[in-house]
């Protein structure tokens, strides 16, 4: 496995643990009042700031896993055409 994939999984596991902790323990109040802006079933998943941070870490953990590597990005780029080749 590549290092970014391992880092992504580690961030997701930490985020999941923090979300579970925040879901079952009464913690600090939420940053966002989810009861006002979302349906009730969604607001119950984010009762406090610990669960909000945990969910954010889970989402951030996906970025290194699915972001294309430098080799993949370079292989997708077309070869630049110089001005001399156009004429």
Foldseek 3Di string as FASTA:
>chain_A
DDPLLVQLVVLLVVLVVQLVCPLVDPDAAAPDPCVVPHPPVVCSSDGHPSNVSSVVSNVVSVCSVPPDDPVVVVVPDDDDDDPVNVD
